[in-house]
Amino acid sequence: MSTSKFDEGRLMQVLIAPVVSEKATMVSEKSNVVTFKVLQGATKPEIKAAVELLFKVEVTGVSVVNVKGKTKRFGKTTGRRDNVRKAYVHLKEGQDLNLSGEAA
């Protein structure tokens, strides 16, 4: 694992939350991929190191998507949702990551 070249405190903050949606569930069932919401400034190597450090699994690759926040109306005023950076983390075959909280 290549976590030695990153600050461990920073790696603990890179992953914000797992993404629990229909699309994320569908992707994880078809292939060995887990989806996370990550910091805006997080890089692919940082995300890989953070997942390997926190969950003790081997990561083969990371894909990152920047989702632009929608403009929404609140009565007369218009507001904007925050931009979100999502990471699709590809795990090595045989590796498993249980985020549902169920006992395996």
N, C-alpha and C. Protein backbone atom coordinates (compact mmCIF):
# COMPACT_ATOMS: atom_id res chain seq x y z
N MET A 1 0.83 -1.19 0.00
CA MET A 1 0.00 0.00 0.00
C MET A 1 0.88 1.25 0.00
N SER A 2 0.45 2.25 -0.76
CA SER A 2 1.28 3.43 -0.95
C SER A 2 0.79 4.62 -0.12
N THR A 3 0.42 4.38 1.12
CA THR A 3 -0.08 5.47 1.96
C THR A 3 1.04 6.26 2.63
N SER A 4 2.29 5.81 2.49
CA SER A 4 3.40 6.44 3.20
C SER A 4 3.71 7.85 2.69
N LYS A 5 3.44 8.15 1.41
CA LYS A 5 3.80 9.46 0.88
C LYS A 5 2.72 10.52 1.10
N PHE A 6 1.59 10.15 1.74
CA PHE A 6 0.52 11.10 2.02
C PHE A 6 0.40 11.32 3.52
N ASP A 7 -0.08 12.50 3.90
CA ASP A 7 -0.34 12.81 5.31
C ASP A 7 -1.58 12.04 5.76
N GLU A 8 -1.45 11.25 6.83
CA GLU A 8 -2.56 10.40 7.28
C GLU A 8 -3.77 11.22 7.73
N GLY A 9 -3.52 12.39 8.31
CA GLY A 9 -4.63 13.27 8.72
C GLY A 9 -5.44 13.74 7.53
N ARG A 10 -4.76 14.06 6.44
CA ARG A 10 -5.44 14.49 5.21
C ARG A 10 -6.24 13.33 4.62
N LEU A 11 -5.66 12.12 4.63
CA LEU A 11 -6.35 10.97 4.06
C LEU A 11 -7.64 10.65 4.81
N MET A 12 -7.65 10.93 6.12
CA MET A 12 -8.86 10.68 6.91
C MET A 12 -10.00 11.62 6.52
N GLN A 13 -9.67 12.76 5.89
CA GLN A 13 -10.69 13.75 5.52
C GLN A 13 -11.08 13.69 4.05
N VAL A 14 -10.34 12.94 3.23
CA VAL A 14 -10.59 12.92 1.79
C VAL A 14 -11.97 12.34 1.47
N LEU A 15 -12.33 11.21 2.08
CA LEU A 15 -13.63 10.59 1.84
C LEU A 15 -14.67 11.27 2.72
N ILE A 16 -15.72 11.82 2.11
CA ILE A 16 -16.77 12.50 2.87
C ILE A 16 -17.86 11.50 3.25
N ALA A 17 -18.40 10.79 2.26
CA ALA A 17 -19.49 9.85 2.52
C ALA A 17 -19.63 8.89 1.35
N PRO A 18 -20.16 7.69 1.61
CA PRO A 18 -20.47 6.81 0.48
C PRO A 18 -21.71 7.33 -0.23
N VAL A 19 -21.79 7.12 -1.53
CA VAL A 19 -22.96 7.52 -2.30
C VAL A 19 -23.92 6.34 -2.33
N VAL A 20 -25.11 6.55 -1.78
CA VAL A 20 -26.13 5.50 -1.77
C VAL A 20 -27.26 5.96 -2.68
N SER A 21 -27.27 5.44 -3.90
CA SER A 21 -28.30 5.78 -4.88
C SER A 21 -28.56 4.55 -5.74
N GLU A 22 -29.57 4.63 -6.58
CA GLU A 22 -29.89 3.50 -7.46
C GLU A 22 -28.72 3.23 -8.40
N LYS A 23 -28.15 4.28 -8.97
CA LYS A 23 -27.06 4.10 -9.93
C LYS A 23 -25.83 3.51 -9.25
N ALA A 24 -25.48 4.01 -8.07
CA ALA A 24 -24.31 3.51 -7.35
C ALA A 24 -24.49 2.05 -6.98
N THR A 25 -25.69 1.66 -6.56
CA THR A 25 -25.98 0.28 -6.22
C THR A 25 -25.91 -0.62 -7.44
N MET A 26 -26.45 -0.14 -8.56
CA MET A 26 -26.43 -0.92 -9.80
C MET A 26 -25.00 -1.15 -10.28
N VAL A 27 -24.17 -0.12 -10.20
CA VAL A 27 -22.77 -0.23 -10.63
C VAL A 27 -22.01 -1.20 -9.73
N SER A 28 -22.26 -1.14 -8.41
CA SER A 28 -21.54 -2.01 -7.48
C SER A 28 -21.95 -3.47 -7.64
N GLU A 29 -23.19 -3.73 -8.05
CA GLU A 29 -23.64 -5.12 -8.26
C GLU A 29 -23.03 -5.70 -9.53
N LYS A 30 -22.92 -4.90 -10.60
CA LYS A 30 -22.38 -5.40 -11.86
C LYS A 30 -20.88 -5.63 -11.80
N SER A 31 -20.16 -4.69 -11.24
CA SER A 31 -18.70 -4.79 -11.16
C SER A 31 -18.27 -4.49 -9.73
N ASN A 32 -17.01 -4.67 -9.45
CA ASN A 32 -16.50 -4.50 -8.09
C ASN A 32 -16.11 -3.04 -7.86
N VAL A 33 -17.13 -2.14 -7.84
CA VAL A 33 -16.91 -0.70 -7.75
C VAL A 33 -17.71 -0.12 -6.59
N VAL A 34 -17.09 0.78 -5.82
CA VAL A 34 -17.76 1.48 -4.72
C VAL A 34 -17.68 2.97 -5.01
N THR A 35 -18.77 3.70 -4.72
CA THR A 35 -18.83 5.13 -5.01
C THR A 35 -18.78 5.95 -3.73
N PHE A 36 -17.93 7.01 -3.74
CA PHE A 36 -17.79 7.89 -2.58
C PHE A 36 -17.92 9.33 -3.00
N LYS A 37 -18.43 10.17 -2.09
CA LYS A 37 -18.37 11.61 -2.24
C LYS A 37 -17.05 12.02 -1.62
N VAL A 38 -16.24 12.81 -2.34
CA VAL A 38 -14.90 13.17 -1.86
C VAL A 38 -14.71 14.69 -1.86
N LEU A 39 -13.62 15.15 -1.24
CA LEU A 39 -13.29 16.57 -1.22
C LEU A 39 -13.08 17.09 -2.64
N GLN A 40 -13.38 18.38 -2.86
CA GLN A 40 -13.21 18.98 -4.19
C GLN A 40 -11.76 18.90 -4.68
N GLY A 41 -10.81 19.07 -3.78
CA GLY A 41 -9.40 19.09 -4.17
C GLY A 41 -8.70 17.74 -4.12
N ALA A 42 -9.45 16.67 -3.89
CA ALA A 42 -8.84 15.34 -3.75
C ALA A 42 -8.36 14.82 -5.10
N THR A 43 -7.17 14.22 -5.10
CA THR A 43 -6.62 13.63 -6.32
C THR A 43 -6.87 12.13 -6.32
N LYS A 44 -6.71 11.51 -7.50
CA LYS A 44 -6.92 10.07 -7.61
C LYS A 44 -5.98 9.27 -6.70
N PRO A 45 -4.68 9.58 -6.66
CA PRO A 45 -3.80 8.84 -5.76
C PRO A 45 -4.17 9.01 -4.29
N GLU A 46 -4.65 10.20 -3.90
CA GLU A 46 -5.09 10.42 -2.52
C GLU A 46 -6.32 9.58 -2.19
N ILE A 47 -7.26 9.52 -3.12
CA ILE A 47 -8.48 8.74 -2.92
C ILE A 47 -8.14 7.26 -2.78
N LYS A 48 -7.26 6.78 -3.65
CA LYS A 48 -6.84 5.38 -3.59
C LYS A 48 -6.19 5.07 -2.25
N ALA A 49 -5.28 5.92 -1.81
CA ALA A 49 -4.58 5.71 -0.55
C ALA A 49 -5.55 5.77 0.63
N ALA A 50 -6.53 6.67 0.58
CA ALA A 50 -7.50 6.80 1.67
C ALA A 50 -8.37 5.55 1.79
N VAL A 51 -8.84 5.02 0.67
CA VAL A 51 -9.68 3.82 0.71
C VAL A 51 -8.88 2.63 1.21
N GLU A 52 -7.63 2.49 0.75
CA GLU A 52 -6.78 1.38 1.19
C GLU A 52 -6.47 1.49 2.68
N LEU A 53 -6.27 2.71 3.18
CA LEU A 53 -5.96 2.91 4.59
C LEU A 53 -7.17 2.64 5.49
N LEU A 54 -8.33 3.19 5.11
CA LEU A 54 -9.51 3.10 5.97
C LEU A 54 -10.19 1.73 5.94
N PHE A 55 -10.22 1.09 4.77
CA PHE A 55 -11.00 -0.14 4.63
C PHE A 55 -10.15 -1.40 4.46
N LYS A 56 -8.82 -1.26 4.40
CA LYS A 56 -7.90 -2.40 4.28
C LYS A 56 -8.25 -3.30 3.08
N VAL A 57 -8.45 -2.66 1.92
CA VAL A 57 -8.71 -3.38 0.67
C VAL A 57 -7.70 -2.92 -0.37
N GLU A 58 -7.58 -3.67 -1.47
CA GLU A 58 -6.69 -3.28 -2.57
C GLU A 58 -7.51 -2.63 -3.67
N VAL A 59 -7.05 -1.46 -4.12
CA VAL A 59 -7.73 -0.69 -5.15
C VAL A 59 -6.96 -0.82 -6.46
N THR A 60 -7.68 -1.14 -7.56
CA THR A 60 -7.02 -1.25 -8.86
C THR A 60 -7.10 0.06 -9.65
N GLY A 61 -8.13 0.88 -9.39
CA GLY A 61 -8.24 2.13 -10.11
C GLY A 61 -9.28 3.05 -9.51
N VAL A 62 -9.21 4.33 -9.89
CA VAL A 62 -10.15 5.33 -9.40
C VAL A 62 -10.58 6.20 -10.58
N SER A 63 -11.90 6.38 -10.72
CA SER A 63 -12.46 7.30 -11.71
C SER A 63 -13.14 8.42 -10.94
N VAL A 64 -13.01 9.66 -11.42
CA VAL A 64 -13.55 10.81 -10.70
C VAL A 64 -14.50 11.59 -11.60
N VAL A 65 -15.63 12.03 -11.02
CA VAL A 65 -16.63 12.80 -11.75
C VAL A 65 -16.94 14.06 -10.95
N ASN A 66 -16.93 15.22 -11.62
CA ASN A 66 -17.34 16.47 -11.00
C ASN A 66 -18.78 16.76 -11.42
N VAL A 67 -19.69 16.83 -10.45
CA VAL A 67 -21.10 17.07 -10.72
C VAL A 67 -21.41 18.52 -10.35
N LYS A 68 -21.88 19.29 -11.33
CA LYS A 68 -22.19 20.70 -11.10
C LYS A 68 -23.48 20.81 -10.28
N GLY A 69 -23.52 21.75 -9.35
CA GLY A 69 -24.70 21.96 -8.51
C GLY A 69 -25.82 22.61 -9.30
N LYS A 70 -27.04 22.19 -9.02
CA LYS A 70 -28.21 22.75 -9.71
C LYS A 70 -28.57 24.12 -9.16
N THR A 71 -29.14 24.96 -10.01
CA THR A 71 -29.70 26.24 -9.56
C THR A 71 -31.16 25.98 -9.19
N LYS A 72 -31.54 26.34 -7.97
CA LYS A 72 -32.90 26.08 -7.49
C LYS A 72 -33.52 27.39 -7.01
N ARG A 73 -34.84 27.45 -7.06
CA ARG A 73 -35.56 28.64 -6.58
C ARG A 73 -36.13 28.38 -5.21
N PHE A 74 -36.00 29.37 -4.34
CA PHE A 74 -36.60 29.33 -3.02
C PHE A 74 -37.49 30.56 -2.90
N GLY A 75 -38.74 30.44 -3.33
CA GLY A 75 -39.62 31.61 -3.37
C GLY A 75 -39.14 32.57 -4.44
N LYS A 76 -38.87 33.82 -4.04
CA LYS A 76 -38.40 34.82 -5.01
C LYS A 76 -36.91 34.69 -5.29
N THR A 77 -36.15 34.18 -4.33
CA THR A 77 -34.70 34.13 -4.49
C THR A 77 -34.26 32.83 -5.16
N THR A 78 -33.16 32.93 -5.86
CA THR A 78 -32.58 31.72 -6.46
C THR A 78 -31.33 31.36 -5.68
N GLY A 79 -31.15 30.09 -5.50
CA GLY A 79 -29.98 29.58 -4.80
C GLY A 79 -29.28 28.54 -5.65
N ARG A 80 -28.20 28.02 -5.14
CA ARG A 80 -27.45 27.03 -5.91
C ARG A 80 -26.97 25.94 -4.96
N ARG A 81 -27.14 24.70 -5.39
CA ARG A 81 -26.62 23.58 -4.61
C ARG A 81 -25.11 23.51 -4.80
N ASP A 82 -24.44 22.88 -3.85
CA ASP A 82 -22.98 22.76 -3.94
C ASP A 82 -22.57 21.81 -5.06
N ASN A 83 -21.40 22.08 -5.64
CA ASN A 83 -20.81 21.15 -6.59
C ASN A 83 -20.32 19.94 -5.80
N VAL A 84 -20.37 18.76 -6.41
CA VAL A 84 -20.00 17.51 -5.74
C VAL A 84 -18.96 16.80 -6.59
N ARG A 85 -17.96 16.22 -5.94
CA ARG A 85 -16.95 15.40 -6.62
C ARG A 85 -17.16 13.96 -6.17
N LYS A 86 -17.44 13.07 -7.13
CA LYS A 86 -17.68 11.67 -6.82
C LYS A 86 -16.52 10.83 -7.34
N ALA A 87 -16.17 9.81 -6.57
CA ALA A 87 -15.10 8.90 -6.98
C ALA A 87 -15.65 7.49 -7.08
N TYR A 88 -15.45 6.86 -8.24
CA TYR A 88 -15.79 5.46 -8.43
C TYR A 88 -14.50 4.67 -8.20
N VAL A 89 -14.47 3.90 -7.12
CA VAL A 89 -13.26 3.17 -6.71
C VAL A 89 -13.39 1.71 -7.15
N HIS A 90 -12.47 1.27 -8.02
CA HIS A 90 -12.49 -0.11 -8.54
C HIS A 90 -11.64 -0.98 -7.61
N LEU A 91 -12.26 -1.99 -7.03
CA LEU A 91 -11.56 -2.88 -6.11
C LEU A 91 -11.03 -4.10 -6.84
N LYS A 92 -9.97 -4.68 -6.30
CA LYS A 92 -9.37 -5.89 -6.85
C LYS A 92 -10.36 -7.04 -6.74
N GLU A 93 -10.31 -7.98 -7.69
CA GLU A 93 -11.21 -9.14 -7.67
C GLU A 93 -11.10 -9.88 -6.34
N GLY A 94 -12.23 -10.25 -5.78
CA GLY A 94 -12.24 -10.96 -4.50
C GLY A 94 -12.33 -10.04 -3.30
N GLN A 95 -12.02 -8.74 -3.48
CA GLN A 95 -12.11 -7.77 -2.39
C GLN A 95 -13.56 -7.32 -2.26
N ASP A 96 -13.99 -7.05 -1.04
CA ASP A 96 -15.37 -6.64 -0.81
C ASP A 96 -15.41 -5.51 0.20
N LEU A 97 -16.34 -4.58 0.02
CA LEU A 97 -16.48 -3.44 0.91
C LEU A 97 -17.95 -3.34 1.27
N ASN A 98 -18.29 -3.61 2.56
CA ASN A 98 -19.67 -3.60 3.00
C ASN A 98 -19.98 -2.27 3.67
N LEU A 99 -20.73 -1.40 2.98
CA LEU A 99 -21.07 -0.08 3.51
C LEU A 99 -22.48 -0.03 4.05
N SER A 100 -23.25 -1.11 3.92
CA SER A 100 -24.65 -1.10 4.32
C SER A 100 -24.85 -1.21 5.83
N GLY A 101 -23.82 -1.64 6.54
CA GLY A 101 -23.93 -1.77 8.00
C GLY A 101 -24.43 -3.14 8.44
N GLU A 102 -24.73 -4.01 7.48
CA GLU A 102 -25.19 -5.36 7.82
C GLU A 102 -24.02 -6.24 8.18
N ALA A 103 -24.28 -7.23 9.01
CA ALA A 103 -23.22 -8.20 9.34
C ALA A 103 -23.09 -9.16 8.17
N ALA A 104 -21.87 -9.44 7.77
CA ALA A 104 -21.64 -10.29 6.60
C ALA A 104 -21.68 -11.75 6.98
